[in-house]
Amino acid sequence: MDQGTADKFLHEQLRPELLREACDAVGQPLNLRIHEGYDHGYYFVPTFMEDHLCHHAVARNA
């Protein structure tokens, strides 16, 4: 999961630390990547799109 530190929803709504805690509690692997300065805007998604597609390609071919 990719998350920007400048996201206005980060601390009140998204709270990725809770997802990390839940995954840890049940032994579910989580790749949580925090990106300094990114928000919830349009440019966040295309910036990391290649990584996202590669992740799915690897998972599909596993």
Protein backbone atom coordinates (compact mmCIF):
# COMPACT_ATOMS: atom_id res chain seq x y z
CA MET A 1 0.00 0.00 0.00
CA ASP A 2 1.30 3.45 -0.88
CA GLN A 3 0.48 6.44 1.30
CA GLY A 4 1.53 10.07 1.11
CA THR A 5 2.49 12.01 4.23
CA ALA A 6 0.77 15.20 3.03
CA ASP A 7 -2.63 13.53 2.63
CA LYS A 8 -5.20 15.61 4.53
CA PHE A 9 -7.12 12.42 5.37
CA LEU A 10 -4.08 10.62 6.79
CA HIS A 11 -4.48 11.09 10.54
CA GLU A 12 -8.25 11.35 10.93
CA GLN A 13 -9.57 8.83 8.39
CA LEU A 14 -6.97 6.68 6.64
CA ARG A 15 -4.74 5.83 9.61
CA PRO A 16 -2.47 3.30 7.89
CA GLU A 17 -0.86 2.42 11.20
CA LEU A 18 -4.09 0.61 12.12
CA LEU A 19 -3.85 -1.50 8.98
CA ARG A 20 -0.25 -2.35 9.87
CA GLU A 21 -1.28 -3.36 13.39
CA ALA A 22 -4.15 -5.51 12.10
CA CYS A 23 -1.91 -7.26 9.58
CA ASP A 24 0.77 -7.86 12.20
CA ALA A 25 -1.82 -9.30 14.60
CA VAL A 26 -2.83 -12.04 12.17
CA GLY A 27 0.49 -12.58 10.40
CA GLN A 28 -0.63 -10.98 7.14
CA PRO A 29 2.30 -9.55 5.16
CA LEU A 30 1.94 -5.86 4.33
CA ASN A 31 4.11 -3.72 2.10
CA LEU A 32 3.24 -0.25 3.41
CA ARG A 33 5.23 2.44 1.63
CA ILE A 34 5.08 5.97 3.00
CA HIS A 35 5.93 8.74 0.52
CA GLU A 36 7.08 12.07 1.90
CA GLY A 37 5.22 15.10 0.55
CA TYR A 38 2.52 13.31 -1.45
CA ASP A 39 -1.14 14.05 -0.85
CA HIS A 40 -4.46 12.53 -1.94
CA GLY A 41 -4.33 14.30 -5.29
CA TYR A 42 -4.46 13.23 -8.90
CA TYR A 43 -0.69 12.97 -9.40
CA PHE A 44 -0.13 10.44 -6.63
CA VAL A 45 -1.57 7.49 -8.57
CA PRO A 46 0.34 7.88 -11.86
CA THR A 47 3.58 8.44 -9.95
CA PHE A 48 3.48 4.89 -8.58
CA MET A 49 1.46 3.18 -11.35
CA GLU A 50 4.41 1.24 -12.78
CA ASP A 51 5.19 -0.25 -9.35
CA HIS A 52 1.54 -1.20 -8.95
CA LEU A 53 1.36 -2.94 -12.32
CA CYS A 54 4.62 -4.81 -11.67
CA HIS A 55 3.26 -6.01 -8.33
CA HIS A 56 0.19 -7.50 -10.02
CA ALA A 57 2.25 -9.05 -12.82
CA VAL A 58 4.46 -10.83 -10.29
CA ALA A 59 1.46 -11.99 -8.25
CA ARG A 60 -0.34 -13.25 -11.34
CA ASN A 61 2.66 -15.24 -12.52
CA ALA A 62 3.49 -16.72 -9.11
